[in-house]
């Protein structure tokens, strides 16, 4: 069974024209998996704000039915976005260094300044 909730969340974000709407549109229509993952991570994180977070699998599920194969790429894209300051990575409510060595489940959220 395919979890379509993240894709529906992207569609609602795009249609609502609020935070993350432009990125949601790109995630739903961009060419290239990397570009779609990048846009999906930004859209979902911005739409949820800095007090909530997403999992890399949310972005992968939003762009592909066979999302499991995209998890390593989604984590790499999240690292790249965190290096640029576009998102914050956490694990067990602790900030992660995007260049550090870590493993296990992570969460992605908008930086606090993105809410403002």
N, C-alpha and C. Protein backbone atom coordinates (compact mmCIF):
# COMPACT_ATOMS: atom_id res chain seq x y z
N UNK A 1 0.84 -1.18 0.00
CA UNK A 1 0.00 0.00 0.00
C UNK A 1 0.89 1.25 0.00
N UNK A 2 0.52 2.22 -0.76
CA UNK A 2 1.28 3.45 -0.89
C UNK A 2 0.69 4.51 0.03
N UNK A 3 1.56 5.18 0.78
CA UNK A 3 1.13 6.27 1.65
C UNK A 3 1.14 7.56 0.83
N UNK A 4 -0.04 8.05 0.49
CA UNK A 4 -0.16 9.25 -0.34
C UNK A 4 -0.32 10.52 0.48
N UNK A 5 -0.33 10.42 1.81
CA UNK A 5 -0.54 11.60 2.66
C UNK A 5 0.50 12.69 2.40
N UNK A 6 1.79 12.38 2.29
CA UNK A 6 2.75 13.47 2.02
C UNK A 6 2.50 14.17 0.69
N UNK A 7 2.10 13.42 -0.32
CA UNK A 7 1.79 14.05 -1.61
C UNK A 7 0.57 14.96 -1.48
N UNK A 8 -0.44 14.49 -0.78
CA UNK A 8 -1.63 15.33 -0.56
C UNK A 8 -1.28 16.58 0.24
N UNK A 9 -0.36 16.44 1.19
CA UNK A 9 0.07 17.61 1.96
C UNK A 9 0.76 18.62 1.04
N UNK A 10 1.58 18.14 0.11
CA UNK A 10 2.21 19.04 -0.88
C UNK A 10 1.15 19.75 -1.71
N UNK A 11 0.15 19.01 -2.15
CA UNK A 11 -0.91 19.61 -2.96
C UNK A 11 -1.67 20.68 -2.18
N UNK A 12 -1.98 20.41 -0.91
CA UNK A 12 -2.66 21.41 -0.07
C UNK A 12 -1.77 22.64 0.15
N UNK A 13 -0.48 22.41 0.35
CA UNK A 13 0.46 23.51 0.56
C UNK A 13 0.53 24.38 -0.69
N UNK A 14 0.64 23.74 -1.85
CA UNK A 14 0.68 24.48 -3.11
C UNK A 14 -0.58 25.29 -3.31
N UNK A 15 -1.72 24.67 -3.09
CA UNK A 15 -3.01 25.32 -3.33
C UNK A 15 -3.32 26.40 -2.31
N UNK A 16 -2.74 26.30 -1.11
CA UNK A 16 -3.00 27.27 -0.06
C UNK A 16 -2.22 28.55 -0.19
N UNK A 17 -1.20 28.56 -1.02
CA UNK A 17 -0.38 29.74 -1.30
C UNK A 17 0.28 30.33 -0.07
N UNK A 18 0.49 29.52 0.97
CA UNK A 18 1.18 29.99 2.18
C UNK A 18 2.65 29.61 2.14
N UNK A 19 3.28 29.51 3.31
CA UNK A 19 4.69 29.12 3.37
C UNK A 19 4.92 27.78 2.67
N UNK A 20 5.89 27.74 1.80
CA UNK A 20 6.23 26.52 1.09
C UNK A 20 5.44 26.27 -0.19
N UNK A 21 4.53 27.18 -0.54
CA UNK A 21 3.68 26.95 -1.72
C UNK A 21 4.49 26.87 -3.02
N UNK A 22 5.45 27.76 -3.19
CA UNK A 22 6.26 27.73 -4.41
C UNK A 22 7.06 26.43 -4.51
N UNK A 23 7.65 26.03 -3.39
CA UNK A 23 8.44 24.80 -3.37
C UNK A 23 7.55 23.58 -3.62
N UNK A 24 6.33 23.61 -3.06
CA UNK A 24 5.40 22.50 -3.27
C UNK A 24 5.08 22.35 -4.75
N UNK A 25 4.85 23.47 -5.42
CA UNK A 25 4.59 23.43 -6.86
C UNK A 25 5.75 22.83 -7.62
N UNK A 26 6.96 23.21 -7.22
CA UNK A 26 8.16 22.66 -7.87
C UNK A 26 8.29 21.16 -7.60
N UNK A 27 8.02 20.74 -6.38
CA UNK A 27 8.13 19.33 -6.04
C UNK A 27 7.15 18.48 -6.83
N UNK A 28 6.01 19.04 -7.10
CA UNK A 28 4.98 18.30 -7.83
C UNK A 28 5.21 18.32 -9.33
N UNK A 29 6.02 19.25 -9.83
CA UNK A 29 6.17 19.35 -11.26
C UNK A 29 7.58 19.36 -11.80
N UNK A 30 8.58 19.42 -10.93
CA UNK A 30 9.97 19.53 -11.39
C UNK A 30 10.44 18.24 -12.05
N UNK A 31 11.41 18.41 -12.90
CA UNK A 31 12.07 17.26 -13.50
C UNK A 31 13.26 16.88 -12.62
N UNK A 32 13.55 15.64 -12.55
CA UNK A 32 14.71 15.19 -11.79
C UNK A 32 14.35 14.90 -10.34
N UNK A 33 14.71 13.73 -9.89
CA UNK A 33 14.37 13.30 -8.54
C UNK A 33 15.02 14.18 -7.49
N UNK A 34 16.28 14.55 -7.68
CA UNK A 34 16.97 15.39 -6.70
C UNK A 34 16.29 16.73 -6.52
N UNK A 35 15.89 17.35 -7.61
CA UNK A 35 15.20 18.63 -7.54
C UNK A 35 13.84 18.49 -6.86
N UNK A 36 13.15 17.42 -7.16
CA UNK A 36 11.84 17.20 -6.54
C UNK A 36 11.98 16.94 -5.04
N UNK A 37 12.99 16.15 -4.64
CA UNK A 37 13.22 15.90 -3.22
C UNK A 37 13.56 17.20 -2.50
N UNK A 38 14.44 17.98 -3.08
CA UNK A 38 14.85 19.27 -2.49
C UNK A 38 13.63 20.16 -2.28
N UNK A 39 12.82 20.28 -3.31
CA UNK A 39 11.62 21.12 -3.23
C UNK A 39 10.62 20.56 -2.22
N UNK A 40 10.47 19.24 -2.17
CA UNK A 40 9.52 18.63 -1.23
C UNK A 40 9.96 18.85 0.21
N UNK A 41 11.25 18.69 0.49
CA UNK A 41 11.75 18.92 1.85
C UNK A 41 11.50 20.36 2.26
N UNK A 42 11.83 21.30 1.39
CA UNK A 42 11.62 22.71 1.72
C UNK A 42 10.14 23.03 1.89
N UNK A 43 9.31 22.54 1.00
CA UNK A 43 7.87 22.83 1.07
C UNK A 43 7.26 22.28 2.35
N UNK A 44 7.52 21.02 2.64
CA UNK A 44 6.92 20.39 3.82
C UNK A 44 7.44 21.03 5.11
N UNK A 45 8.74 21.29 5.18
CA UNK A 45 9.31 21.90 6.39
C UNK A 45 8.77 23.32 6.59
N UNK A 46 8.72 24.10 5.53
CA UNK A 46 8.23 25.47 5.65
C UNK A 46 6.74 25.51 5.98
N UNK A 47 5.98 24.61 5.39
CA UNK A 47 4.55 24.59 5.66
C UNK A 47 4.26 24.21 7.12
N UNK A 48 5.06 23.34 7.68
CA UNK A 48 4.85 22.92 9.07
C UNK A 48 5.44 23.92 10.06
N UNK A 49 6.42 24.70 9.63
CA UNK A 49 7.03 25.70 10.52
C UNK A 49 8.11 25.10 11.40
N UNK A 50 8.74 25.96 12.19
CA UNK A 50 9.90 25.54 12.98
C UNK A 50 9.52 24.74 14.23
N UNK A 51 8.26 24.70 14.58
CA UNK A 51 7.85 23.96 15.77
C UNK A 51 7.45 22.52 15.46
N UNK A 52 7.44 22.16 14.18
CA UNK A 52 7.12 20.81 13.77
C UNK A 52 8.21 20.34 12.81
N UNK A 53 8.20 19.09 12.46
CA UNK A 53 9.27 18.57 11.62
C UNK A 53 8.74 17.51 10.67
N UNK A 54 9.60 17.14 9.73
CA UNK A 54 9.28 16.07 8.80
C UNK A 54 10.39 15.03 8.87
N UNK A 55 10.10 13.89 8.33
CA UNK A 55 11.06 12.80 8.18
C UNK A 55 11.51 12.78 6.72
N UNK A 56 12.74 12.38 6.44
CA UNK A 56 13.13 12.26 5.03
C UNK A 56 12.18 11.39 4.22
N UNK A 57 11.55 10.42 4.87
CA UNK A 57 10.61 9.56 4.14
C UNK A 57 9.38 10.32 3.69
N UNK A 58 9.00 11.39 4.41
CA UNK A 58 7.86 12.20 3.98
C UNK A 58 8.13 12.80 2.60
N UNK A 59 9.33 13.33 2.41
CA UNK A 59 9.69 13.91 1.11
C UNK A 59 9.75 12.83 0.05
N UNK A 60 10.35 11.69 0.38
CA UNK A 60 10.45 10.59 -0.59
C UNK A 60 9.06 10.08 -0.99
N UNK A 61 8.17 9.94 -0.02
CA UNK A 61 6.81 9.48 -0.30
C UNK A 61 6.04 10.49 -1.15
N UNK A 62 6.37 11.76 -0.99
CA UNK A 62 5.67 12.80 -1.74
C UNK A 62 6.04 12.80 -3.21
N UNK A 63 7.22 12.28 -3.54
CA UNK A 63 7.66 12.37 -4.94
C UNK A 63 7.69 11.03 -5.68
N UNK A 64 7.56 9.90 -4.96
CA UNK A 64 7.65 8.61 -5.66
C UNK A 64 6.88 7.52 -4.93
N UNK A 65 6.27 6.64 -5.69
CA UNK A 65 5.60 5.49 -5.09
C UNK A 65 6.60 4.50 -4.52
N UNK A 66 7.74 4.34 -5.17
CA UNK A 66 8.79 3.44 -4.68
C UNK A 66 9.79 4.25 -3.85
N UNK A 67 9.30 4.85 -2.81
CA UNK A 67 10.01 5.85 -2.02
C UNK A 67 11.20 5.31 -1.23
N UNK A 68 11.19 4.05 -0.86
CA UNK A 68 12.27 3.51 -0.01
C UNK A 68 13.64 3.65 -0.68
N UNK A 69 13.68 3.49 -1.98
CA UNK A 69 14.97 3.60 -2.68
C UNK A 69 15.50 5.04 -2.66
N UNK A 70 14.62 6.00 -2.37
CA UNK A 70 15.02 7.41 -2.35
C UNK A 70 15.50 7.89 -0.98
N UNK A 71 15.37 7.07 0.06
CA UNK A 71 15.73 7.52 1.41
C UNK A 71 17.18 7.99 1.53
N UNK A 72 18.17 7.26 1.03
CA UNK A 72 19.54 7.77 1.14
C UNK A 72 19.70 9.12 0.43
N UNK A 73 19.10 9.27 -0.73
CA UNK A 73 19.19 10.53 -1.46
C UNK A 73 18.47 11.65 -0.70
N UNK A 74 17.33 11.35 -0.10
CA UNK A 74 16.59 12.36 0.68
C UNK A 74 17.43 12.82 1.87
N UNK A 75 18.12 11.92 2.53
CA UNK A 75 18.99 12.30 3.65
C UNK A 75 20.15 13.15 3.16
N UNK A 76 20.72 12.81 2.00
CA UNK A 76 21.81 13.61 1.44
C UNK A 76 21.34 15.02 1.09
N UNK A 77 20.16 15.12 0.50
CA UNK A 77 19.60 16.43 0.15
C UNK A 77 19.35 17.23 1.43
N UNK A 78 18.85 16.58 2.47
CA UNK A 78 18.62 17.27 3.74
C UNK A 78 19.93 17.80 4.32
N UNK A 79 20.99 17.02 4.23
CA UNK A 79 22.32 17.49 4.68
C UNK A 79 22.72 18.75 3.92
N UNK A 80 22.56 18.69 2.61
CA UNK A 80 22.93 19.83 1.76
C UNK A 80 22.13 21.08 2.14
N UNK A 81 20.83 20.91 2.34
CA UNK A 81 19.98 22.04 2.72
C UNK A 81 20.35 22.57 4.10
N UNK A 82 20.74 21.69 5.01
CA UNK A 82 21.15 22.12 6.35
C UNK A 82 22.47 22.88 6.29
N UNK A 83 23.38 22.46 5.44
CA UNK A 83 24.65 23.19 5.27
C UNK A 83 24.39 24.63 4.82
N UNK A 84 23.38 24.82 3.99
CA UNK A 84 23.04 26.15 3.48
C UNK A 84 22.20 26.95 4.47
N UNK A 85 21.73 26.31 5.53
CA UNK A 85 20.90 26.99 6.51
C UNK A 85 19.42 27.03 6.16
N UNK A 86 19.02 26.27 5.14
CA UNK A 86 17.62 26.25 4.73
C UNK A 86 16.74 25.39 5.63
N UNK A 87 17.34 24.40 6.30
CA UNK A 87 16.63 23.55 7.24
C UNK A 87 17.55 23.25 8.41
N UNK A 88 16.97 22.67 9.46
CA UNK A 88 17.71 22.21 10.63
C UNK A 88 17.46 20.72 10.76
N UNK A 89 18.51 19.98 11.07
CA UNK A 89 18.39 18.54 11.27
C UNK A 89 18.47 18.23 12.75
N UNK A 90 17.60 17.33 13.21
CA UNK A 90 17.61 16.94 14.62
C UNK A 90 17.50 15.43 14.74
N UNK A 91 17.93 14.98 15.90
CA UNK A 91 17.77 13.58 16.27
C UNK A 91 17.53 13.56 17.78
N UNK A 92 16.43 13.01 18.18
CA UNK A 92 16.04 13.01 19.60
C UNK A 92 16.09 14.43 20.18
N UNK A 93 15.58 15.39 19.44
CA UNK A 93 15.51 16.80 19.84
C UNK A 93 16.87 17.47 20.00
N UNK A 94 17.93 16.86 19.50
CA UNK A 94 19.26 17.45 19.53
C UNK A 94 19.64 17.88 18.11
N UNK A 95 20.21 19.09 17.98
CA UNK A 95 20.65 19.56 16.66
C UNK A 95 21.78 18.68 16.15
N UNK A 96 21.75 18.40 14.86
CA UNK A 96 22.81 17.61 14.22
C UNK A 96 23.66 18.51 13.34
N UNK A 97 24.95 18.24 13.31
CA UNK A 97 25.86 18.90 12.40
C UNK A 97 25.69 18.20 11.04
N UNK A 98 25.34 18.96 10.00
CA UNK A 98 25.13 18.30 8.70
C UNK A 98 26.39 17.63 8.16
N UNK A 99 27.56 18.04 8.64
CA UNK A 99 28.81 17.41 8.21
C UNK A 99 29.29 16.35 9.18
N UNK A 100 28.54 16.15 10.26
CA UNK A 100 28.93 15.16 11.25
C UNK A 100 28.55 13.75 10.82
N UNK A 101 29.04 12.81 11.60
CA UNK A 101 28.67 11.41 11.36
C UNK A 101 27.52 11.08 12.29
N UNK A 102 26.42 10.66 11.72
CA UNK A 102 25.25 10.25 12.49
C UNK A 102 24.52 9.19 11.72
N UNK A 103 23.75 8.45 12.45
CA UNK A 103 22.94 7.40 11.85
C UNK A 103 21.66 7.25 12.64
N UNK A 104 20.73 6.57 12.05
CA UNK A 104 19.44 6.40 12.70
C UNK A 104 18.45 7.45 12.22
N UNK A 105 17.26 7.45 12.80
CA UNK A 105 16.20 8.36 12.37
C UNK A 105 16.56 9.82 12.62
N UNK A 106 16.25 10.66 11.66
CA UNK A 106 16.45 12.10 11.82
C UNK A 106 15.13 12.81 11.52
N UNK A 107 15.07 14.05 11.92
CA UNK A 107 13.93 14.91 11.62
C UNK A 107 14.48 16.17 10.95
N UNK A 108 13.64 16.77 10.13
CA UNK A 108 14.00 17.98 9.38
C UNK A 108 12.96 19.04 9.69
N UNK A 109 13.41 20.25 10.04
CA UNK A 109 12.46 21.32 10.28
C UNK A 109 13.00 22.62 9.72
N UNK A 110 12.09 23.57 9.56
CA UNK A 110 12.48 24.92 9.13
C UNK A 110 13.26 25.57 10.27
N UNK A 111 14.24 26.40 9.94
CA UNK A 111 14.93 27.13 11.00
C UNK A 111 13.98 28.13 11.65
N UNK A 112 14.22 28.46 12.89
CA UNK A 112 13.33 29.36 13.63
C UNK A 112 13.12 30.69 12.90
N UNK A 113 14.11 31.22 12.24
CA UNK A 113 13.97 32.50 11.55
C UNK A 113 13.04 32.41 10.34
N UNK A 114 12.77 31.20 9.85
CA UNK A 114 11.91 31.04 8.68
C UNK A 114 10.44 31.31 9.00
N UNK A 115 10.08 31.31 10.29
CA UNK A 115 8.69 31.54 10.67
C UNK A 115 8.34 33.02 10.63
N UNK A 116 9.35 33.86 10.74
CA UNK A 116 9.15 35.26 10.96
C UNK A 116 8.64 36.08 9.90
